[in-house]
Amino acid sequence: MKERRWTLFTNHAAVLIRLLEHPETTIRTTADELELAERTVVGVLQDLRREGYLLVRKKGRHNIYRVNPDGPMKRPEHKGYTMREFLFRVQSELEQIASVAEKNASGKRRVGL
């Protein structure tokens, strides 16, 4: 049986995360880093901009990308959340998980495990 190849994030999420980390990146660099076609990145950028997830301004010949924290979430089960609220919720959950893992790890060290 052939192993299925998949990723946790869609191309849209991958590009959005890349832009959070590198707002002055170019389309070519983003495409290379994410192993996507430049045409794919252009389409994703258009989608993100059209739906209000991304703000773009010119700086010379280049674009500067900023994720719109007040952009609405699109999926019906996340409707009512802005990007800011959704990402804050995810961050809070991750911090809680890390805290529990840290407590568990320090408890094991104390008892000599």
PDB file of N, CA and C in Angstrom:
ATOM      1  N   MET A   1       0.836  -1.183   0.000  1.00  0.00           N
ATOM      2  CA  MET A   1       0.000   0.000   0.000  1.00  0.00           C
ATOM      3  C   MET A   1       0.882   1.247   0.000  1.00  0.00           C
ATOM      4  N   LYS A   2       0.566   2.177  -0.893  1.00  0.00           N
ATOM      5  CA  LYS A   2       1.346   3.401  -1.006  1.00  0.00           C
ATOM      6  C   LYS A   2       1.030   4.331   0.160  1.00  0.00           C
ATOM      7  N   GLU A   3       2.092   4.882   0.765  1.00  0.00           N
ATOM      8  CA  GLU A   3       1.915   5.800   1.891  1.00  0.00           C
ATOM      9  C   GLU A   3       1.352   7.128   1.387  1.00  0.00           C
ATOM     10  N   ARG A   4       0.317   7.630   2.076  1.00  0.00           N
ATOM     11  CA  ARG A   4      -0.281   8.909   1.700  1.00  0.00           C
ATOM     12  C   ARG A   4       0.607  10.042   2.162  1.00  0.00           C
ATOM     13  N   ARG A   5       0.784  11.017   1.313  1.00  0.00           N
ATOM     14  CA  ARG A   5       1.578  12.195   1.661  1.00  0.00           C
ATOM     15  C   ARG A   5       0.625  13.361   1.899  1.00  0.00           C
ATOM     16  N   TRP A   6       0.760  13.959   3.083  1.00  0.00           N
ATOM     17  CA  TRP A   6      -0.093  15.091   3.417  1.00  0.00           C
ATOM     18  C   TRP A   6       0.645  15.979   4.398  1.00  0.00           C
ATOM     19  N   THR A   7       0.149  17.187   4.580  1.00  0.00           N
ATOM     20  CA  THR A   7       0.733  18.105   5.549  1.00  0.00           C
ATOM     21  C   THR A   7      -0.378  18.656   6.431  1.00  0.00           C
ATOM     22  N   LEU A   8      -0.001  19.133   7.581  1.00  0.00           N
ATOM     23  CA  LEU A   8      -0.978  19.664   8.528  1.00  0.00           C
ATOM     24  C   LEU A   8      -1.586  20.973   8.035  1.00  0.00           C
ATOM     25  N   PHE A   9      -0.789  21.790   7.357  1.00  0.00           N
ATOM     26  CA  PHE A   9      -1.261  23.093   6.900  1.00  0.00           C
ATOM     27  C   PHE A   9      -1.474  23.117   5.389  1.00  0.00           C
ATOM     28  N   THR A  10      -2.475  23.857   4.971  1.00  0.00           N
ATOM     29  CA  THR A  10      -2.701  24.090   3.553  1.00  0.00           C
ATOM     30  C   THR A  10      -1.642  25.056   3.041  1.00  0.00           C
ATOM     31  N   ASN A  11      -1.576  25.224   1.730  1.00  0.00           N
ATOM     32  CA  ASN A  11      -0.660  26.215   1.158  1.00  0.00           C
ATOM     33  C   ASN A  11      -0.980  27.608   1.694  1.00  0.00           C
ATOM     34  N   HIS A  12      -2.268  27.900   1.886  1.00  0.00           N
ATOM     35  CA  HIS A  12      -2.663  29.209   2.395  1.00  0.00           C
ATOM     36  C   HIS A  12      -2.103  29.440   3.796  1.00  0.00           C
ATOM     37  N   ALA A  13      -2.223  28.462   4.662  1.00  0.00           N
ATOM     38  CA  ALA A  13      -1.699  28.599   6.020  1.00  0.00           C
ATOM     39  C   ALA A  13      -0.177  28.690   6.007  1.00  0.00           C
ATOM     40  N   ALA A  14       0.474  27.905   5.168  1.00  0.00           N
ATOM     41  CA  ALA A  14       1.934  27.927   5.096  1.00  0.00           C
ATOM     42  C   ALA A  14       2.437  29.295   4.640  1.00  0.00           C
ATOM     43  N   VAL A  15       1.790  29.869   3.633  1.00  0.00           N
ATOM     44  CA  VAL A  15       2.186  31.195   3.154  1.00  0.00           C
ATOM     45  C   VAL A  15       1.912  32.241   4.236  1.00  0.00           C
ATOM     46  N   LEU A  16       0.782  32.158   4.889  1.00  0.00           N
ATOM     47  CA  LEU A  16       0.441  33.111   5.947  1.00  0.00           C
ATOM     48  C   LEU A  16       1.475  33.067   7.077  1.00  0.00           C
ATOM     49  N   ILE A  17       1.852  31.884   7.500  1.00  0.00           N
ATOM     50  CA  ILE A  17       2.859  31.740   8.562  1.00  0.00           C
ATOM     51  C   ILE A  17       4.205  32.291   8.098  1.00  0.00           C
ATOM     52  N   ARG A  18       4.563  32.014   6.862  1.00  0.00           N
ATOM     53  CA  ARG A  18       5.821  32.529   6.302  1.00  0.00           C
ATOM     54  C   ARG A  18       5.824  34.064   6.332  1.00  0.00           C
ATOM     55  N   LEU A  19       4.672  34.664   5.995  1.00  0.00           N
ATOM     56  CA  LEU A  19       4.584  36.127   5.985  1.00  0.00           C
ATOM     57  C   LEU A  19       4.609  36.717   7.385  1.00  0.00           C
ATOM     58  N   LEU A  20       4.104  35.982   8.367  1.00  0.00           N
ATOM     59  CA  LEU A  20       4.211  36.436   9.751  1.00  0.00           C
ATOM     60  C   LEU A  20       5.681  36.533  10.157  1.00  0.00           C
ATOM     61  N   GLU A  21       6.462  35.560   9.724  1.00  0.00           N
ATOM     62  CA  GLU A  21       7.880  35.502  10.087  1.00  0.00           C
ATOM     63  C   GLU A  21       8.747  36.417   9.224  1.00  0.00           C
ATOM     64  N   HIS A  22       8.337  36.607   7.966  1.00  0.00           N
ATOM     65  CA  HIS A  22       9.158  37.358   7.002  1.00  0.00           C
ATOM     66  C   HIS A  22       8.274  38.285   6.161  1.00  0.00           C
ATOM     67  N   PRO A  23       7.815  39.410   6.724  1.00  0.00           N
ATOM     68  CA  PRO A  23       6.869  40.274   6.011  1.00  0.00           C
ATOM     69  C   PRO A  23       7.427  40.915   4.738  1.00  0.00           C
ATOM     70  N   GLU A  24       8.746  40.985   4.603  1.00  0.00           N
ATOM     71  CA  GLU A  24       9.343  41.616   3.421  1.00  0.00           C
ATOM     72  C   GLU A  24       9.823  40.584   2.405  1.00  0.00           C
ATOM     73  N   THR A  25       9.416  39.342   2.566  1.00  0.00           N
ATOM     74  CA  THR A  25       9.852  38.286   1.659  1.00  0.00           C
ATOM     75  C   THR A  25       9.313  38.507   0.252  1.00  0.00           C
ATOM     76  N   THR A  26       9.977  37.920  -0.707  1.00  0.00           N
ATOM     77  CA  THR A  26       9.506  38.006  -2.092  1.00  0.00           C
ATOM     78  C   THR A  26       8.701  36.755  -2.433  1.00  0.00           C
ATOM     79  N   ILE A  27       7.961  36.854  -3.511  1.00  0.00           N
ATOM     80  CA  ILE A  27       7.189  35.703  -3.985  1.00  0.00           C
ATOM     81  C   ILE A  27       8.139  34.549  -4.311  1.00  0.00           C
ATOM     82  N   ARG A  28       9.234  34.849  -4.980  1.00  0.00           N
ATOM     83  CA  ARG A  28      10.192  33.806  -5.361  1.00  0.00           C
ATOM     84  C   ARG A  28      10.784  33.107  -4.133  1.00  0.00           C
ATOM     85  N   THR A  29      11.182  33.899  -3.128  1.00  0.00           N
ATOM     86  CA  THR A  29      11.758  33.318  -1.909  1.00  0.00           C
ATOM     87  C   THR A  29      10.726  32.472  -1.176  1.00  0.00           C
ATOM     88  N   THR A  30       9.501  32.981  -1.080  1.00  0.00           N
ATOM     89  CA  THR A  30       8.427  32.228  -0.426  1.00  0.00           C
ATOM     90  C   THR A  30       8.185  30.917  -1.155  1.00  0.00           C
ATOM     91  N   ALA A  31       8.130  30.979  -2.472  1.00  0.00           N
ATOM     92  CA  ALA A  31       7.919  29.767  -3.272  1.00  0.00           C
ATOM     93  C   ALA A  31       9.050  28.766  -3.052  1.00  0.00           C
ATOM     94  N   ASP A  32      10.279  29.245  -3.076  1.00  0.00           N
ATOM     95  CA  ASP A  32      11.432  28.357  -2.868  1.00  0.00           C
ATOM     96  C   ASP A  32      11.410  27.729  -1.476  1.00  0.00           C
ATOM     97  N   GLU A  33      11.184  28.553  -0.461  1.00  0.00           N
ATOM     98  CA  GLU A  33      11.196  28.056   0.923  1.00  0.00           C
ATOM     99  C   GLU A  33      10.092  27.031   1.184  1.00  0.00           C
ATOM    100  N   LEU A  34       8.931  27.242   0.564  1.00  0.00           N
ATOM    101  CA  LEU A  34       7.791  26.345   0.800  1.00  0.00           C
ATOM    102  C   LEU A  34       7.672  25.244  -0.251  1.00  0.00           C
ATOM    103  N   GLU A  35       8.616  25.245  -1.197  1.00  0.00           N
ATOM    104  CA  GLU A  35       8.607  24.265  -2.290  1.00  0.00           C
ATOM    105  C   GLU A  35       7.283  24.291  -3.053  1.00  0.00           C
ATOM    106  N   LEU A  36       6.868  25.526  -3.410  1.00  0.00           N
ATOM    107  CA  LEU A  36       5.660  25.755  -4.192  1.00  0.00           C
ATOM    108  C   LEU A  36       6.036  26.475  -5.476  1.00  0.00           C
ATOM    109  N   ALA A  37       5.174  26.386  -6.461  1.00  0.00           N
ATOM    110  CA  ALA A  37       5.375  27.161  -7.686  1.00  0.00           C
ATOM    111  C   ALA A  37       5.078  28.629  -7.384  1.00  0.00           C
ATOM    112  N   GLU A  38       5.808  29.534  -8.049  1.00  0.00           N
ATOM    113  CA  GLU A  38       5.560  30.964  -7.856  1.00  0.00           C
ATOM    114  C   GLU A  38       4.112  31.301  -8.182  1.00  0.00           C
ATOM    115  N   ARG A  39       3.578  30.675  -9.199  1.00  0.00           N
ATOM    116  CA  ARG A  39       2.185  30.916  -9.593  1.00  0.00           C
ATOM    117  C   ARG A  39       1.222  30.538  -8.453  1.00  0.00           C
ATOM    118  N   THR A  40       1.540  29.465  -7.738  1.00  0.00           N
ATOM    119  CA  THR A  40       0.726  29.048  -6.595  1.00  0.00           C
ATOM    120  C   THR A  40       0.765  30.107  -5.505  1.00  0.00           C
ATOM    121  N   VAL A  41       1.962  30.618  -5.206  1.00  0.00           N
ATOM    122  CA  VAL A  41       2.108  31.646  -4.170  1.00  0.00           C
ATOM    123  C   VAL A  41       1.343  32.903  -4.566  1.00  0.00           C
ATOM    124  N   VAL A  42       1.417  33.305  -5.823  1.00  0.00           N
ATOM    125  CA  VAL A  42       0.682  34.480  -6.293  1.00  0.00           C
ATOM    126  C   VAL A  42      -0.817  34.280  -6.078  1.00  0.00           C
ATOM    127  N   GLY A  43      -1.327  33.110  -6.421  1.00  0.00           N
ATOM    128  CA  GLY A  43      -2.750  32.822  -6.224  1.00  0.00           C
ATOM    129  C   GLY A  43      -3.147  32.853  -4.763  1.00  0.00           C
ATOM    130  N   VAL A  44      -2.304  32.283  -3.906  1.00  0.00           N
ATOM    131  CA  VAL A  44      -2.575  32.290  -2.461  1.00  0.00           C
ATOM    132  C   VAL A  44      -2.588  33.722  -1.935  1.00  0.00           C
ATOM    133  N   LEU A  45      -1.608  34.523  -2.346  1.00  0.00           N
ATOM    134  CA  LEU A  45      -1.553  35.921  -1.908  1.00  0.00           C
ATOM    135  C   LEU A  45      -2.803  36.680  -2.342  1.00  0.00           C
ATOM    136  N   GLN A  46      -3.256  36.439  -3.554  1.00  0.00           N
ATOM    137  CA  GLN A  46      -4.486  37.086  -4.034  1.00  0.00           C
ATOM    138  C   GLN A  46      -5.682  36.672  -3.177  1.00  0.00           C
ATOM    139  N   ASP A  47      -5.783  35.375  -2.879  1.00  0.00           N
ATOM    140  CA  ASP A  47      -6.880  34.877  -2.037  1.00  0.00           C
ATOM    141  C   ASP A  47      -6.847  35.519  -0.650  1.00  0.00           C
ATOM    142  N   LEU A  48      -5.674  35.523  -0.029  1.00  0.00           N
ATOM    143  CA  LEU A  48      -5.531  36.058   1.330  1.00  0.00           C
ATOM    144  C   LEU A  48      -5.857  37.551   1.367  1.00  0.00           C
ATOM    145  N   ARG A  49      -5.430  38.250   0.356  1.00  0.00           N
ATOM    146  CA  ARG A  49      -5.704  39.688   0.279  1.00  0.00           C
ATOM    147  C   ARG A  49      -7.198  39.954   0.060  1.00  0.00           C
ATOM    148  N   ARG A  50      -7.793  39.233  -0.860  1.00  0.00           N
ATOM    149  CA  ARG A  50      -9.211  39.408  -1.192  1.00  0.00           C
ATOM    150  C   ARG A  50     -10.115  39.107   0.003  1.00  0.00           C
ATOM    151  N   GLU A  51      -9.751  38.112   0.808  1.00  0.00           N
ATOM    152  CA  GLU A  51     -10.574  37.709   1.950  1.00  0.00           C
ATOM    153  C   GLU A  51     -10.302  38.512   3.224  1.00  0.00           C
ATOM    154  N   GLY A  52      -9.341  39.444   3.156  1.00  0.00           N
ATOM    155  CA  GLY A  52      -9.091  40.323   4.290  1.00  0.00           C
ATOM    156  C   GLY A  52      -8.092  39.784   5.308  1.00  0.00           C
ATOM    157  N   TYR A  53      -7.382  38.701   4.979  1.00  0.00           N
ATOM    158  CA  TYR A  53      -6.391  38.143   5.899  1.00  0.00           C
ATOM    159  C   TYR A  53      -5.050  38.868   5.813  1.00  0.00           C
ATOM    160  N   LEU A  54      -4.835  39.579   4.714  1.00  0.00           N
ATOM    161  CA  LEU A  54      -3.519  40.114   4.429  1.00  0.00           C
ATOM    162  C   LEU A  54      -3.626  41.571   3.999  1.00  0.00           C
ATOM    163  N   LEU A  55      -2.755  42.397   4.550  1.00  0.00           N
ATOM    164  CA  LEU A  55      -2.642  43.794   4.146  1.00  0.00           C
ATOM    165  C   LEU A  55      -1.309  43.942   3.418  1.00  0.00           C
ATOM    166  N   VAL A  56      -1.309  44.674   2.316  1.00  0.00           N
ATOM    167  CA  VAL A  56      -0.106  44.807   1.495  1.00  0.00           C
ATOM    168  C   VAL A  56       0.148  46.283   1.233  1.00  0.00           C
ATOM    169  N   ARG A  57       1.414  46.674   1.380  1.00  0.00           N
ATOM    170  CA  ARG A  57       1.787  48.040   1.007  1.00  0.00           C
ATOM    171  C   ARG A  57       3.096  47.971   0.232  1.00  0.00           C
ATOM    172  N   LYS A  58       3.289  48.939  -0.614  1.00  0.00           N
ATOM    173  CA  LYS A  58       4.489  49.012  -1.444  1.00  0.00           C
ATOM    174  C   LYS A  58       5.627  49.674  -0.684  1.00  0.00           C
ATOM    175  N   LYS A  59       6.832  49.151  -0.891  1.00  0.00           N
ATOM    176  CA  LYS A  59       8.051  49.784  -0.378  1.00  0.00           C
ATOM    177  C   LYS A  59       9.045  49.712  -1.535  1.00  0.00           C
ATOM    178  N   GLY A  60       9.153  50.817  -2.255  1.00  0.00           N
ATOM    179  CA  GLY A  60       9.968  50.803  -3.466  1.00  0.00           C
ATOM    180  C   GLY A  60       9.338  49.885  -4.495  1.00  0.00           C
ATOM    181  N   ARG A  61      10.113  48.907  -4.953  1.00  0.00           N
ATOM    182  CA  ARG A  61       9.601  47.949  -5.936  1.00  0.00           C
ATOM    183  C   ARG A  61       9.028  46.701  -5.284  1.00  0.00           C
ATOM    184  N   HIS A  62       9.123  46.610  -3.970  1.00  0.00           N
ATOM    185  CA  HIS A  62       8.696  45.403  -3.267  1.00  0.00           C
ATOM    186  C   HIS A  62       7.427  45.634  -2.466  1.00  0.00           C
ATOM    187  N   ASN A  63       6.783  44.542  -2.141  1.00  0.00           N
ATOM    188  CA  ASN A  63       5.609  44.580  -1.267  1.00  0.00           C
ATOM    189  C   ASN A  63       6.008  44.223   0.153  1.00  0.00           C
ATOM    190  N   ILE A  64       5.351  44.835   1.101  1.00  0.00           N
ATOM    191  CA  ILE A  64       5.482  44.480   2.517  1.00  0.00           C
ATOM    192  C   ILE A  64       4.140  43.879   2.904  1.00  0.00           C
ATOM    193  N   TYR A  65       4.172  42.674   3.442  1.00  0.00           N
ATOM    194  CA  TYR A  65       2.946  41.957   3.792  1.00  0.00           C
ATOM    195  C   TYR A  65       2.744  41.989   5.300  1.00  0.00           C
ATOM    196  N   ARG A  66       1.516  42.250   5.701  1.00  0.00           N
ATOM    197  CA  ARG A  66       1.181  42.216   7.121  1.00  0.00           C
ATOM    198  C   ARG A  66      -0.115  41.430   7.274  1.00  0.00           C
ATOM    199  N   VAL A  67      -0.087  40.479   8.171  1.00  0.00           N
ATOM    200  CA  VAL A  67      -1.294  39.709   8.447  1.00  0.00           C
ATOM    201  C   VAL A  67      -2.264  40.623   9.172  1.00  0.00           C
ATOM    202  N   ASN A  68      -3.502  40.641   8.723  1.00  0.00           N
ATOM    203  CA  ASN A  68      -4.539  41.472   9.324  1.00  0.00           C
ATOM    204  C   ASN A  68      -5.096  40.756  10.547  1.00  0.00           C
ATOM    205  N   PRO A  69      -4.741  41.190  11.746  1.00  0.00           N
ATOM    206  CA  PRO A  69      -5.197  40.487  12.947  1.00  0.00           C
ATOM    207  C   PRO A  69      -6.708  40.560  13.150  1.00  0.00           C
ATOM    208  N   ASP A  70      -7.343  41.521  12.497  1.00  0.00           N
ATOM    209  CA  ASP A  70      -8.787  41.664  12.647  1.00  0.00           C
ATOM    210  C   ASP A  70      -9.556  41.013  11.504  1.00  0.00           C
ATOM    211  N   GLY A  71      -8.840  40.309  10.630  1.00  0.00           N
ATOM    212  CA  GLY A  71      -9.489  39.589   9.542  1.00  0.00           C
ATOM    213  C   GLY A  71     -10.367  38.471  10.095  1.00  0.00           C
ATOM    214  N   PRO A  72     -11.524  38.253   9.487  1.00  0.00           N
ATOM    215  CA  PRO A  72     -12.449  37.232   9.993  1.00  0.00           C
ATOM    216  C   PRO A  72     -12.012  35.828   9.610  1.00  0.00           C
ATOM    217  N   MET A  73     -12.297  34.879  10.466  1.00  0.00           N
ATOM    218  CA  MET A  73     -12.050  33.476  10.150  1.00  0.00           C
ATOM    219  C   MET A  73     -13.134  33.021   9.176  1.00  0.00           C
ATOM    220  N   LYS A  74     -12.769  32.178   8.234  1.00  0.00           N
ATOM    221  CA  LYS A  74     -13.669  31.838   7.141  1.00  0.00           C
ATOM    222  C   LYS A  74     -14.492  30.572   7.384  1.00  0.00           C
ATOM    223  N   ARG A  75     -13.918  29.580   8.040  1.00  0.00           N
ATOM    224  CA  ARG A  75     -14.641  28.321   8.256  1.00  0.00           C
ATOM    225  C   ARG A  75     -15.854  28.561   9.144  1.00  0.00           C
ATOM    226  N   PRO A  76     -16.979  27.914   8.835  1.00  0.00           N
ATOM    227  CA  PRO A  76     -18.201  28.133   9.624  1.00  0.00           C
ATOM    228  C   PRO A  76     -18.017  27.873  11.122  1.00  0.00           C
ATOM    229  N   GLU A  77     -17.243  26.864  11.495  1.00  0.00           N
ATOM    230  CA  GLU A  77     -17.071  26.554  12.918  1.00  0.00           C
ATOM    231  C   GLU A  77     -16.181  27.563  13.644  1.00  0.00           C
ATOM    232  N   HIS A  78     -15.497  28.435  12.898  1.00  0.00           N
ATOM    233  CA  HIS A  78     -14.660  29.469  13.509  1.00  0.00           C
ATOM    234  C   HIS A  78     -15.229  30.864  13.287  1.00  0.00           C
ATOM    235  N   LYS A  79     -16.383  30.909  12.652  1.00  0.00           N
ATOM    236  CA  LYS A  79     -17.017  32.207  12.370  1.00  0.00           C
ATOM    237  C   LYS A  79     -17.244  32.956  13.688  1.00  0.00           C
ATOM    238  N   GLY A  80     -17.074  34.235  13.665  1.00  0.00           N
ATOM    239  CA  GLY A  80     -17.213  35.018  14.882  1.00  0.00           C
ATOM    240  C   GLY A  80     -15.866  35.312  15.515  1.00  0.00           C
ATOM    241  N   TYR A  81     -14.840  34.543  15.152  1.00  0.00           N
ATOM    242  CA  TYR A  81     -13.485  34.812  15.625  1.00  0.00           C
ATOM    243  C   TYR A  81     -12.763  35.684  14.609  1.00  0.00           C
ATOM    244  N   THR A  82     -11.942  36.605  15.099  1.00  0.00           N
ATOM    245  CA  THR A  82     -10.997  37.280  14.211  1.00  0.00           C
ATOM    246  C   THR A  82      -9.715  36.446  14.225  1.00  0.00           C
ATOM    247  N   MET A  83      -8.809  36.755  13.321  1.00  0.00           N
ATOM    248  CA  MET A  83      -7.512  36.055  13.304  1.00  0.00           C
ATOM    249  C   MET A  83      -6.827  36.202  14.660  1.00  0.00           C
ATOM    250  N   ARG A  84      -6.877  37.407  15.217  1.00  0.00           N
ATOM    251  CA  ARG A  84      -6.234  37.680  16.508  1.00  0.00           C
ATOM    252  C   ARG A  84      -6.800  36.767  17.591  1.00  0.00           C
ATOM    253  N   GLU A  85      -8.128  36.696  17.675  1.00  0.00           N
ATOM    254  CA  GLU A  85      -8.778  35.882  18.703  1.00  0.00           C
ATOM    255  C   GLU A  85      -8.488  34.399  18.502  1.00  0.00           C
ATOM    256  N   PHE A  86      -8.513  33.965  17.262  1.00  0.00           N
ATOM    257  CA  PHE A  86      -8.259  32.560  16.967  1.00  0.00           C
ATOM    258  C   PHE A  86      -6.820  32.186  17.322  1.00  0.00           C
ATOM    259  N   LEU A  87      -5.863  33.005  16.883  1.00  0.00           N
ATOM    260  CA  LEU A  87      -4.455  32.710  17.163  1.00  0.00           C
ATOM    261  C   LEU A  87      -4.149  32.821  18.658  1.00  0.00           C
ATOM    262  N   PHE A  88      -4.795  33.760  19.352  1.00  0.00           N
ATOM    263  CA  PHE A  88      -4.634  33.866  20.799  1.00  0.00           C
ATOM    264  C   PHE A  88      -5.122  32.588  21.475  1.00  0.00           C
ATOM    265  N   ARG A  89      -6.243  32.075  21.007  1.00  0.00           N
ATOM    266  CA  ARG A  89      -6.794  30.836  21.574  1.00  0.00           C
ATOM    267  C   ARG A  89      -5.846  29.670  21.344  1.00  0.00           C
ATOM    268  N   VAL A  90      -5.301  29.563  20.141  1.00  0.00           N
ATOM    269  CA  VAL A  90      -4.337  28.503  19.832  1.00  0.00           C
ATOM    270  C   VAL A  90      -3.096  28.655  20.705  1.00  0.00           C
ATOM    271  N   GLN A  91      -2.587  29.885  20.829  1.00  0.00           N
ATOM    272  CA  GLN A  91      -1.401  30.135  21.653  1.00  0.00           C
ATOM    273  C   GLN A  91      -1.662  29.756  23.103  1.00  0.00           C
ATOM    274  N   SER A  92      -2.819  30.111  23.632  1.00  0.00           N
ATOM    275  CA  SER A  92      -3.161  29.778  25.020  1.00  0.00           C
ATOM    276  C   SER A  92      -3.187  28.269  25.233  1.00  0.00           C
ATOM    277  N   GLU A  93      -3.781  27.558  24.273  1.00  0.00           N
ATOM    278  CA  GLU A  93      -3.837  26.098  24.371  1.00  0.00           C
ATOM    279  C   GLU A  93      -2.438  25.493  24.337  1.00  0.00           C
ATOM    280  N   LEU A  94      -1.579  25.998  23.454  1.00  0.00           N
ATOM    281  CA  LEU A  94      -0.212  25.479  23.355  1.00  0.00           C
ATOM    282  C   LEU A  94       0.582  25.758  24.632  1.00  0.00           C
ATOM    283  N   GLU A  95       0.400  26.936  25.212  1.00  0.00           N
ATOM    284  CA  GLU A  95       1.088  27.262  26.465  1.00  0.00           C
ATOM    285  C   GLU A  95       0.620  26.358  27.599  1.00  0.00           C
ATOM    286  N   GLN A  96      -0.658  26.060  27.617  1.00  0.00           N
ATOM    287  CA  GLN A  96      -1.204  25.173  28.643  1.00  0.00           C
ATOM    288  C   GLN A  96      -0.626  23.758  28.479  1.00  0.00           C
ATOM    289  N   ILE A  97      -0.553  23.281  27.265  1.00  0.00           N
ATOM    290  CA  ILE A  97       0.017  21.957  26.992  1.00  0.00           C
ATOM    291  C   ILE A  97       1.487  21.928  27.410  1.00  0.00           C
ATOM    292  N   ALA A  98       2.227  22.980  27.067  1.00  0.00           N
ATOM    293  CA  ALA A  98       3.651  23.046  27.423  1.00  0.00           C
ATOM    294  C   ALA A  98       3.833  23.073  28.931  1.00  0.00           C
ATOM    295  N   SER A  99       2.969  23.778  29.621  1.00  0.00           N
ATOM    296  CA  SER A  99       3.048  23.857  31.081  1.00  0.00           C
ATOM    297  C   SER A  99       2.822  22.486  31.719  1.00  0.00           C
ATOM    298  N   VAL A 100       1.838  21.761  31.241  1.00  0.00           N
ATOM    299  CA  VAL A 100       1.553  20.418  31.762  1.00  0.00           C
ATOM    300  C   VAL A 100       2.726  19.486  31.465  1.00  0.00           C
ATOM    301  N   ALA A 101       3.262  19.568  30.259  1.00  0.00           N
ATOM    302  CA  ALA A 101       4.399  18.714  29.888  1.00  0.00           C
ATOM    303  C   ALA A 101       5.612  19.022  30.757  1.00  0.00           C
ATOM    304  N   GLU A 102       5.841  20.310  31.029  1.00  0.00           N
ATOM    305  CA  GLU A 102       6.967  20.719  31.873  1.00  0.00           C
ATOM    306  C   GLU A 102       6.801  20.198  33.301  1.00  0.00           C
ATOM    307  N   LYS A 103       5.592  20.297  33.841  1.00  0.00           N
ATOM    308  CA  LYS A 103       5.325  19.786  35.187  1.00  0.00           C
ATOM    309  C   LYS A 103       5.532  18.281  35.245  1.00  0.00           C
ATOM    310  N   ASN A 104       5.062  17.581  34.214  1.00  0.00           N
ATOM    311  CA  ASN A 104       5.238  16.128  34.168  1.00  0.00           C
ATOM    312  C   ASN A 104       6.714  15.752  34.090  1.00  0.00           C
ATOM    313  N   ALA A 105       7.466  16.489  33.276  1.00  0.00           N
ATOM    314  CA  ALA A 105       8.891  16.205  33.127  1.00  0.00           C
ATOM    315  C   ALA A 105       9.649  16.485  34.420  1.00  0.00           C
ATOM    316  N   SER A 106       9.333  17.564  35.107  1.00  0.00           N
ATOM    317  CA  SER A 106      10.053  17.883  36.344  1.00  0.00           C
ATOM    318  C   SER A 106       9.658  16.922  37.462  1.00  0.00           C
ATOM    319  N   GLY A 107       8.426  16.418  37.445  1.00  0.00           N
ATOM    320  CA  GLY A 107       7.984  15.435  38.432  1.00  0.00           C
ATOM    321  C   GLY A 107       8.721  14.126  38.256  1.00  0.00           C
ATOM    322  N   LYS A 108       8.987  13.733  37.029  1.00  0.00           N
ATOM    323  CA  LYS A 108       9.714  12.490  36.756  1.00  0.00           C
ATOM    324  C   LYS A 108      11.169  12.608  37.203  1.00  0.00           C
ATOM    325  N   ARG A 109      11.770  13.789  37.002  1.00  0.00           N
ATOM    326  CA  ARG A 109      13.161  13.978  37.412  1.00  0.00           C
ATOM    327  C   ARG A 109      13.293  13.915  38.928  1.00  0.00           C
ATOM    328  N   ARG A 110      12.290  14.460  39.640  1.00  0.00           N
ATOM    329  CA  ARG A 110      12.354  14.479  41.091  1.00  0.00           C
ATOM    330  C   ARG A 110      12.319  13.081  41.686  1.00  0.00           C
ATOM    331  N   VAL A 111      11.529  12.199  41.105  1.00  0.00           N
ATOM    332  CA  VAL A 111      11.417  10.848  41.661  1.00  0.00           C
ATOM    333  C   VAL A 111      12.453   9.902  41.057  1.00  0.00           C
ATOM    334  N   GLY A 112      13.365  10.442  40.268  1.00  0.00           N
ATOM    335  CA  GLY A 112      14.446   9.627  39.759  1.00  0.00           C
ATOM    336  C   GLY A 112      14.098   8.784  38.551  1.00  0.00           C
ATOM    337  N   LEU A 113      13.132   9.154  37.792  1.00  0.00           N
ATOM    338  CA  LEU A 113      12.767   8.396  36.592  1.00  0.00           C
ATOM    339  C   LEU A 113      13.494   8.874  35.371  1.00  0.00           C
TER     340      LEU A 113
END
